[in-house]
Amino acid sequence: MPAVPYLPQDISSSLANDIRARRGAGGLLPLDRILLHAPPIAEGWSKLLGAVRTGSILEDDLREIIILRVAARNGASFIWIHHEQLARAAGVSTEQLTRIGDIETPLPELSHLTSSGPGQFSVPQAAVLQLAEDMTTKVHLGRDGILPTLTAFQQSPLRDPDNLHRKVVEAVSTCAAYNMTSRFVVALDVDDRANIPCPVPGLAAQPVSSHPGLPSGVLASTSVNDLYFGEQAEE
């Protein structure tokens, strides 16, 4: 169970009402009900993650690839489960999801990530996947670490010269924001998922029957996602 108790779903405050209105019919998420213990943090979090999710001009597939790689690296199944469906809606294939979530296999060079075959990435997709990996595991990238993303955006068929630097900043901000989010939800065991492996499609399923919200014998595979696809996406 979470290290900090959930506030009630019907908590009444102007901030809770604002977040509830943005969430829609499903009401407050478990993440919201933890964050609202610290209202200034909850308010700033909502604005920041709202900007990352809905105020960015970064393509949807690139944003979700970044988020999922960060989630996989940090073991944040809460985030993976919510964002896999968004990635699929943005056109990310099952084979690509497997490569994104496979943290045991070192990422190959960008040229291999973009070579033809199952799980092939576009040049911008491969660049942001590497960016998310490096920012999450190395932190310090230097100019050379950012250059592949900058170059990929410059050479993309969808290149947007007027917004080139904005998109780089948004890609880096997305990675930074979801490192924050993933480490928060894992540290406090939000929604009791800190010890549940990310259900990456195509990888060996692992038992997660100890999870109190899952039926006995359910595996951490794509079937777990089916149980949660009705939930709203977290930030």
C-alpha atoms as a PDB file:
ATOM      1  CA  MET A   1       0.000   0.000   0.000  1.00  0.00           C
ATOM      2  CA  PRO A   2       1.182   3.578  -0.531  1.00  0.00           C
ATOM      3  CA  ALA A   3       3.510   5.103   2.026  1.00  0.00           C
ATOM      4  CA  VAL A   4       1.149   8.092   2.322  1.00  0.00           C
ATOM      5  CA  PRO A   5      -2.612   7.468   2.618  1.00  0.00           C
ATOM      6  CA  TYR A   6      -4.938   8.503  -0.173  1.00  0.00           C
ATOM      7  CA  LEU A   7      -7.157  11.483   0.374  1.00  0.00           C
ATOM      8  CA  PRO A   8     -10.821  10.657  -0.305  1.00  0.00           C
ATOM      9  CA  GLN A   9     -12.088  10.715  -3.879  1.00  0.00           C
ATOM     10  CA  ASP A  10     -14.696  13.323  -2.910  1.00  0.00           C
ATOM     11  CA  ILE A  11     -12.245  15.729  -1.268  1.00  0.00           C
ATOM     12  CA  SER A  12     -13.589  19.254  -1.692  1.00  0.00           C
ATOM     13  CA  SER A  13     -11.256  22.119  -2.539  1.00  0.00           C
ATOM     14  CA  SER A  14     -10.966  24.484  -5.489  1.00  0.00           C
ATOM     15  CA  LEU A  15      -7.741  22.764  -6.568  1.00  0.00           C
ATOM     16  CA  ALA A  16      -9.218  19.262  -6.287  1.00  0.00           C
ATOM     17  CA  ASN A  17     -12.243  20.435  -8.251  1.00  0.00           C
ATOM     18  CA  ASP A  18     -10.005  21.878 -10.979  1.00  0.00           C
ATOM     19  CA  ILE A  19      -8.049  18.628 -11.254  1.00  0.00           C
ATOM     20  CA  ARG A  20     -11.275  16.618 -11.165  1.00  0.00           C
ATOM     21  CA  ALA A  21     -12.719  18.711 -13.996  1.00  0.00           C
ATOM     22  CA  ARG A  22      -9.612  18.127 -16.105  1.00  0.00           C
ATOM     23  CA  ARG A  23      -9.703  14.389 -15.432  1.00  0.00           C
ATOM     24  CA  GLY A  24     -13.293  13.962 -16.517  1.00  0.00           C
ATOM     25  CA  ALA A  25     -15.812  11.328 -15.491  1.00  0.00           C
ATOM     26  CA  GLY A  26     -13.274   9.065 -13.812  1.00  0.00           C
ATOM     27  CA  GLY A  27     -12.511  11.608 -11.116  1.00  0.00           C
ATOM     28  CA  LEU A  28      -9.221  11.912  -9.257  1.00  0.00           C
ATOM     29  CA  LEU A  29      -6.480   9.383  -9.981  1.00  0.00           C
ATOM     30  CA  PRO A  30      -4.515   7.690  -7.174  1.00  0.00           C
ATOM     31  CA  LEU A  31      -1.634  10.025  -8.059  1.00  0.00           C
ATOM     32  CA  ASP A  32      -3.848  13.083  -7.524  1.00  0.00           C
ATOM     33  CA  ARG A  33      -5.067  11.783  -4.172  1.00  0.00           C
ATOM     34  CA  ILE A  34      -1.476  11.543  -2.945  1.00  0.00           C
ATOM     35  CA  LEU A  35      -0.287  14.847  -4.404  1.00  0.00           C
ATOM     36  CA  LEU A  36      -3.182  16.775  -2.868  1.00  0.00           C
ATOM     37  CA  HIS A  37      -1.598  16.289   0.573  1.00  0.00           C
ATOM     38  CA  ALA A  38       0.690  19.108  -0.620  1.00  0.00           C
ATOM     39  CA  PRO A  39      -1.578  21.531  -2.519  1.00  0.00           C
ATOM     40  CA  PRO A  40       1.151  23.819  -3.940  1.00  0.00           C
ATOM     41  CA  ILE A  41       2.980  20.746  -5.279  1.00  0.00           C
ATOM     42  CA  ALA A  42      -0.243  19.302  -6.704  1.00  0.00           C
ATOM     43  CA  GLU A  43      -1.060  22.582  -8.426  1.00  0.00           C
ATOM     44  CA  GLY A  44       2.403  23.002  -9.934  1.00  0.00           C
ATOM     45  CA  TRP A  45       2.510  19.324 -10.937  1.00  0.00           C
ATOM     46  CA  SER A  46      -0.829  19.589 -12.707  1.00  0.00           C
ATOM     47  CA  LYS A  47       0.280  22.645 -14.672  1.00  0.00           C
ATOM     48  CA  LEU A  48       3.678  21.212 -15.621  1.00  0.00           C
ATOM     49  CA  LEU A  49       2.446  17.782 -16.671  1.00  0.00           C
ATOM     50  CA  GLY A  50      -0.563  19.304 -18.396  1.00  0.00           C
ATOM     51  CA  ALA A  51       1.805  21.454 -20.469  1.00  0.00           C
ATOM     52  CA  VAL A  52       3.981  18.446 -21.305  1.00  0.00           C
ATOM     53  CA  ARG A  53       1.004  16.317 -22.311  1.00  0.00           C
ATOM     54  CA  THR A  54      -1.257  18.825 -24.065  1.00  0.00           C
ATOM     55  CA  GLY A  55       0.738  22.008 -24.641  1.00  0.00           C
ATOM     56  CA  SER A  56       3.610  20.447 -26.548  1.00  0.00           C
ATOM     57  CA  ILE A  57       3.959  20.357 -30.333  1.00  0.00           C
ATOM     58  CA  LEU A  58       6.090  17.211 -30.076  1.00  0.00           C
ATOM     59  CA  GLU A  59       4.517  14.418 -32.108  1.00  0.00           C
ATOM     60  CA  ASP A  60       2.423  12.019 -30.034  1.00  0.00           C
ATOM     61  CA  ASP A  61       4.479   8.937 -30.911  1.00  0.00           C
ATOM     62  CA  LEU A  62       7.731  10.648 -29.903  1.00  0.00           C
ATOM     63  CA  ARG A  63       6.286  11.812 -26.592  1.00  0.00           C
ATOM     64  CA  GLU A  64       4.973   8.358 -25.714  1.00  0.00           C
ATOM     65  CA  ILE A  65       8.228   6.607 -26.692  1.00  0.00           C
ATOM     66  CA  ILE A  66      10.088   8.887 -24.277  1.00  0.00           C
ATOM     67  CA  ILE A  67       7.576   8.311 -21.484  1.00  0.00           C
ATOM     68  CA  LEU A  68       7.538   4.528 -21.896  1.00  0.00           C
ATOM     69  CA  ARG A  69      11.333   4.183 -21.953  1.00  0.00           C
ATOM     70  CA  VAL A  70      11.577   6.228 -18.761  1.00  0.00           C
ATOM     71  CA  ALA A  71       8.832   4.119 -17.182  1.00  0.00           C
ATOM     72  CA  ALA A  72      10.580   0.886 -18.140  1.00  0.00           C
ATOM     73  CA  ARG A  73      13.964   2.095 -16.885  1.00  0.00           C
ATOM     74  CA  ASN A  74      12.533   3.228 -13.543  1.00  0.00           C
ATOM     75  CA  GLY A  75      10.226   0.250 -13.096  1.00  0.00           C
ATOM     76  CA  ALA A  76       7.111   2.438 -13.077  1.00  0.00           C
ATOM     77  CA  SER A  77       4.373   0.040 -14.177  1.00  0.00           C
ATOM     78  CA  PHE A  78       1.745   2.597 -13.121  1.00  0.00           C
ATOM     79  CA  ILE A  79       2.985   4.830 -15.950  1.00  0.00           C
ATOM     80  CA  TRP A  80       3.617   2.032 -18.462  1.00  0.00           C
ATOM     81  CA  ILE A  81       0.102   0.629 -18.080  1.00  0.00           C
ATOM     82  CA  HIS A  82      -1.511   3.999 -18.708  1.00  0.00           C
ATOM     83  CA  HIS A  83       0.754   5.113 -21.541  1.00  0.00           C
ATOM     84  CA  GLU A  84       1.004   1.923 -23.599  1.00  0.00           C
ATOM     85  CA  GLN A  85      -2.528   2.527 -24.843  1.00  0.00           C
ATOM     86  CA  LEU A  86      -1.645   6.126 -25.771  1.00  0.00           C
ATOM     87  CA  ALA A  87       1.450   4.944 -27.628  1.00  0.00           C
ATOM     88  CA  ARG A  88      -0.578   2.417 -29.605  1.00  0.00           C
ATOM     89  CA  ALA A  89      -3.116   5.131 -30.470  1.00  0.00           C
ATOM     90  CA  ALA A  90      -0.201   7.224 -31.761  1.00  0.00           C
ATOM     91  CA  GLY A  91       0.889   4.408 -34.070  1.00  0.00           C
ATOM     92  CA  VAL A  92       3.599   2.714 -32.007  1.00  0.00           C
ATOM     93  CA  SER A  93       3.603  -0.988 -32.906  1.00  0.00           C
ATOM     94  CA  THR A  94       3.762  -3.981 -30.598  1.00  0.00           C
ATOM     95  CA  GLU A  95       7.264  -4.798 -31.878  1.00  0.00           C
ATOM     96  CA  GLN A  96       8.388  -1.259 -31.126  1.00  0.00           C
ATOM     97  CA  LEU A  97       6.867  -1.450 -27.647  1.00  0.00           C
ATOM     98  CA  THR A  98       8.897  -4.589 -26.996  1.00  0.00           C
ATOM     99  CA  ARG A  99      12.131  -2.817 -27.946  1.00  0.00           C
ATOM    100  CA  ILE A 100      11.205   0.255 -25.908  1.00  0.00           C
ATOM    101  CA  GLY A 101      10.512  -1.820 -22.802  1.00  0.00           C
ATOM    102  CA  ASP A 102      13.430  -4.237 -23.113  1.00  0.00           C
ATOM    103  CA  ILE A 103      15.917  -2.700 -20.686  1.00  0.00           C
ATOM    104  CA  GLU A 104      17.984  -5.893 -20.437  1.00  0.00           C
ATOM    105  CA  THR A 105      19.196  -5.597 -24.033  1.00  0.00           C
ATOM    106  CA  PRO A 106      21.475  -2.591 -24.641  1.00  0.00           C
ATOM    107  CA  LEU A 107      20.123  -0.189 -27.228  1.00  0.00           C
ATOM    108  CA  PRO A 108      21.957  -0.631 -30.531  1.00  0.00           C
ATOM    109  CA  GLU A 109      23.346   2.241 -32.585  1.00  0.00           C
ATOM    110  CA  LEU A 110      20.743   4.533 -34.121  1.00  0.00           C
ATOM    111  CA  SER A 111      21.451   3.060 -37.567  1.00  0.00           C
ATOM    112  CA  HIS A 112      20.400  -0.371 -36.294  1.00  0.00           C
ATOM    113  CA  LEU A 113      17.282   0.969 -34.607  1.00  0.00           C
ATOM    114  CA  THR A 114      16.182   2.436 -37.931  1.00  0.00           C
ATOM    115  CA  SER A 115      17.105  -0.567 -40.106  1.00  0.00           C
ATOM    116  CA  SER A 116      14.213  -2.375 -41.772  1.00  0.00           C
ATOM    117  CA  GLY A 117      12.516  -5.226 -39.940  1.00  0.00           C
ATOM    118  CA  PRO A 118      10.151  -5.813 -37.018  1.00  0.00           C
ATOM    119  CA  GLY A 119      10.272  -2.975 -34.530  1.00  0.00           C
ATOM    120  CA  GLN A 120      11.914  -0.560 -36.939  1.00  0.00           C
ATOM    121  CA  PHE A 121      11.932   3.045 -35.734  1.00  0.00           C
ATOM    122  CA  SER A 122      11.944   6.233 -37.742  1.00  0.00           C
ATOM    123  CA  VAL A 123      15.020   8.418 -37.279  1.00  0.00           C
ATOM    124  CA  PRO A 124      13.233  10.821 -34.858  1.00  0.00           C
ATOM    125  CA  GLN A 125      11.752   7.880 -32.924  1.00  0.00           C
ATOM    126  CA  ALA A 126      15.167   6.246 -32.537  1.00  0.00           C
ATOM    127  CA  ALA A 127      16.721   9.554 -31.489  1.00  0.00           C
ATOM    128  CA  VAL A 128      14.198  10.245 -28.706  1.00  0.00           C
ATOM    129  CA  LEU A 129      14.425   6.638 -27.518  1.00  0.00           C
ATOM    130  CA  GLN A 130      18.172   7.074 -27.115  1.00  0.00           C
ATOM    131  CA  LEU A 131      17.627  10.476 -25.496  1.00  0.00           C
ATOM    132  CA  ALA A 132      15.296   8.972 -22.892  1.00  0.00           C
ATOM    133  CA  GLU A 133      17.737   6.153 -22.207  1.00  0.00           C
ATOM    134  CA  ASP A 134      20.699   8.487 -21.771  1.00  0.00           C
ATOM    135  CA  MET A 135      18.898  11.107 -19.702  1.00  0.00           C
ATOM    136  CA  THR A 136      17.540   8.445 -17.352  1.00  0.00           C
ATOM    137  CA  THR A 137      20.732   6.427 -16.923  1.00  0.00           C
ATOM    138  CA  LYS A 138      23.536   8.961 -17.431  1.00  0.00           C
ATOM    139  CA  VAL A 139      21.882  12.305 -16.605  1.00  0.00           C
ATOM    140  CA  HIS A 140      24.830  14.323 -17.968  1.00  0.00           C
ATOM    141  CA  LEU A 141      24.693  14.294 -21.761  1.00  0.00           C
ATOM    142  CA  GLY A 142      26.594  17.345 -22.931  1.00  0.00           C
ATOM    143  CA  ARG A 143      26.082  18.819 -26.387  1.00  0.00           C
ATOM    144  CA  ASP A 144      27.055  15.571 -28.099  1.00  0.00           C
ATOM    145  CA  GLY A 145      24.279  13.760 -26.269  1.00  0.00           C
ATOM    146  CA  ILE A 146      21.629  16.183 -27.522  1.00  0.00           C
ATOM    147  CA  LEU A 147      22.997  16.420 -31.070  1.00  0.00           C
ATOM    148  CA  PRO A 148      21.354  13.209 -32.416  1.00  0.00           C
ATOM    149  CA  THR A 149      17.909  14.497 -31.393  1.00  0.00           C
ATOM    150  CA  LEU A 150      18.582  17.924 -32.874  1.00  0.00           C
ATOM    151  CA  THR A 151      19.863  16.360 -36.107  1.00  0.00           C
ATOM    152  CA  ALA A 152      16.925  13.939 -36.323  1.00  0.00           C
ATOM    153  CA  PHE A 153      14.439  16.790 -35.997  1.00  0.00           C
ATOM    154  CA  GLN A 154      16.325  18.761 -38.643  1.00  0.00           C
ATOM    155  CA  GLN A 155      16.287  15.863 -41.107  1.00  0.00           C
ATOM    156  CA  SER A 156      12.769  14.593 -40.416  1.00  0.00           C
ATOM    157  CA  PRO A 157      10.270  14.706 -43.298  1.00  0.00           C
ATOM    158  CA  LEU A 158       8.056  16.562 -40.812  1.00  0.00           C
ATOM    159  CA  ARG A 159      10.818  19.016 -39.922  1.00  0.00           C
ATOM    160  CA  ASP A 160       9.675  22.354 -38.619  1.00  0.00           C
ATOM    161  CA  PRO A 161      12.614  24.777 -38.798  1.00  0.00           C
ATOM    162  CA  ASP A 162      10.750  27.505 -36.936  1.00  0.00           C
ATOM    163  CA  ASN A 163      10.161  25.231 -33.951  1.00  0.00           C
ATOM    164  CA  LEU A 164      13.312  23.106 -34.009  1.00  0.00           C
ATOM    165  CA  HIS A 165      14.685  24.260 -30.673  1.00  0.00           C
ATOM    166  CA  ARG A 166      11.247  24.237 -29.091  1.00  0.00           C
ATOM    167  CA  LYS A 167      10.831  20.557 -29.968  1.00  0.00           C
ATOM    168  CA  VAL A 168      14.232  19.687 -28.523  1.00  0.00           C
ATOM    169  CA  VAL A 169      13.335  21.500 -25.302  1.00  0.00           C
ATOM    170  CA  GLU A 170       9.984  19.703 -25.207  1.00  0.00           C
ATOM    171  CA  ALA A 171      11.594  16.298 -25.745  1.00  0.00           C
ATOM    172  CA  VAL A 172      14.072  16.915 -22.925  1.00  0.00           C
ATOM    173  CA  SER A 173      11.315  18.347 -20.699  1.00  0.00           C
ATOM    174  CA  THR A 174       9.130  15.300 -21.314  1.00  0.00           C
ATOM    175  CA  CYS A 175      11.938  12.994 -20.265  1.00  0.00           C
ATOM    176  CA  ALA A 176      12.738  15.077 -17.192  1.00  0.00           C
ATOM    177  CA  ALA A 177       9.079  15.374 -16.162  1.00  0.00           C
ATOM    178  CA  TYR A 178       8.463  11.639 -16.392  1.00  0.00           C
ATOM    179  CA  ASN A 179      11.624  10.807 -14.517  1.00  0.00           C
ATOM    180  CA  MET A 180      10.129  12.952 -11.771  1.00  0.00           C
ATOM    181  CA  THR A 181       6.729  11.296 -12.065  1.00  0.00           C
ATOM    182  CA  SER A 182       8.025   7.740 -12.272  1.00  0.00           C
ATOM    183  CA  ARG A 183      10.303   8.123  -9.278  1.00  0.00           C
ATOM    184  CA  PHE A 184       7.495   9.683  -7.265  1.00  0.00           C
ATOM    185  CA  VAL A 185       4.974   6.909  -7.967  1.00  0.00           C
ATOM    186  CA  VAL A 186       7.529   4.167  -7.321  1.00  0.00           C
ATOM    187  CA  ALA A 187       8.872   5.751  -4.120  1.00  0.00           C
ATOM    188  CA  LEU A 188       5.392   6.126  -2.619  1.00  0.00           C
ATOM    189  CA  ASP A 189       3.979   2.943  -4.201  1.00  0.00           C
ATOM    190  CA  VAL A 190       1.105   4.807  -5.816  1.00  0.00           C
ATOM    191  CA  ASP A 191      -1.731   2.416  -6.713  1.00  0.00           C
ATOM    192  CA  ASP A 192       0.227  -0.481  -5.147  1.00  0.00           C
ATOM    193  CA  ARG A 193       2.249  -1.035  -8.321  1.00  0.00           C
ATOM    194  CA  ALA A 194       5.807  -0.284  -7.229  1.00  0.00           C
ATOM    195  CA  ASN A 195       6.702  -3.982  -7.182  1.00  0.00           C
ATOM    196  CA  ILE A 196       4.847  -4.940 -10.357  1.00  0.00           C
ATOM    197  CA  PRO A 197       7.047  -5.277 -13.455  1.00  0.00           C
ATOM    198  CA  CYS A 198       6.119  -3.198 -16.472  1.00  0.00           C
ATOM    199  CA  PRO A 199       3.921  -5.441 -18.650  1.00  0.00           C
ATOM    200  CA  VAL A 200       6.003  -5.099 -21.804  1.00  0.00           C
ATOM    201  CA  PRO A 201       4.449  -7.031 -24.705  1.00  0.00           C
ATOM    202  CA  GLY A 202       6.624  -9.793 -26.101  1.00  0.00           C
ATOM    203  CA  LEU A 203       8.820 -10.184 -23.039  1.00  0.00           C
ATOM    204  CA  ALA A 204       8.619 -13.090 -20.594  1.00  0.00           C
ATOM    205  CA  ALA A 205       5.599 -12.725 -18.357  1.00  0.00           C
ATOM    206  CA  GLN A 206       6.237 -12.565 -14.626  1.00  0.00           C
ATOM    207  CA  PRO A 207       3.707 -13.453 -11.907  1.00  0.00           C
ATOM    208  CA  VAL A 208       2.192 -10.484 -10.121  1.00  0.00           C
ATOM    209  CA  SER A 209      -0.549 -12.309  -8.229  1.00  0.00           C
ATOM    210  CA  SER A 210       0.595 -10.673  -4.979  1.00  0.00           C
ATOM    211  CA  HIS A 211      -0.911  -7.404  -6.230  1.00  0.00           C
ATOM    212  CA  PRO A 212      -4.056  -6.876  -4.116  1.00  0.00           C
ATOM    213  CA  GLY A 213      -6.024  -5.461  -7.036  1.00  0.00           C
ATOM    214  CA  LEU A 214      -5.404  -8.337  -9.445  1.00  0.00           C
ATOM    215  CA  PRO A 215      -6.997 -11.764  -9.593  1.00  0.00           C
ATOM    216  CA  SER A 216      -4.832 -14.681  -8.495  1.00  0.00           C
ATOM    217  CA  GLY A 217      -2.543 -15.945 -11.235  1.00  0.00           C
ATOM    218  CA  VAL A 218      -2.636 -12.850 -13.455  1.00  0.00           C
ATOM    219  CA  LEU A 219       0.654 -12.345 -15.250  1.00  0.00           C
ATOM    220  CA  ALA A 220       2.573  -9.158 -15.924  1.00  0.00           C
ATOM    221  CA  SER A 221       1.981  -9.373 -19.659  1.00  0.00           C
ATOM    222  CA  THR A 222      -0.235  -7.513 -22.093  1.00  0.00           C
ATOM    223  CA  SER A 223      -3.244  -9.098 -20.356  1.00  0.00           C
ATOM    224  CA  VAL A 224      -2.591  -6.829 -17.375  1.00  0.00           C
ATOM    225  CA  ASN A 225      -3.071  -3.821 -19.619  1.00  0.00           C
ATOM    226  CA  ASP A 226      -6.515  -5.088 -20.562  1.00  0.00           C
ATOM    227  CA  LEU A 227      -7.515  -4.791 -16.908  1.00  0.00           C
ATOM    228  CA  TYR A 228      -6.588  -1.127 -16.794  1.00  0.00           C
ATOM    229  CA  PHE A 229      -7.342   0.196 -20.263  1.00  0.00           C
ATOM    230  CA  GLY A 230     -10.539   1.721 -18.959  1.00  0.00           C
ATOM    231  CA  GLU A 231      -8.587   4.044 -16.668  1.00  0.00           C
ATOM    232  CA  GLN A 232      -7.590   7.546 -17.561  1.00  0.00           C
ATOM    233  CA  ALA A 233      -4.035   8.286 -18.518  1.00  0.00           C
ATOM    234  CA  GLU A 234      -2.069   9.747 -15.659  1.00  0.00           C
ATOM    235  CA  GLU A 235      -0.301  13.047 -16.209  1.00  0.00           C
END
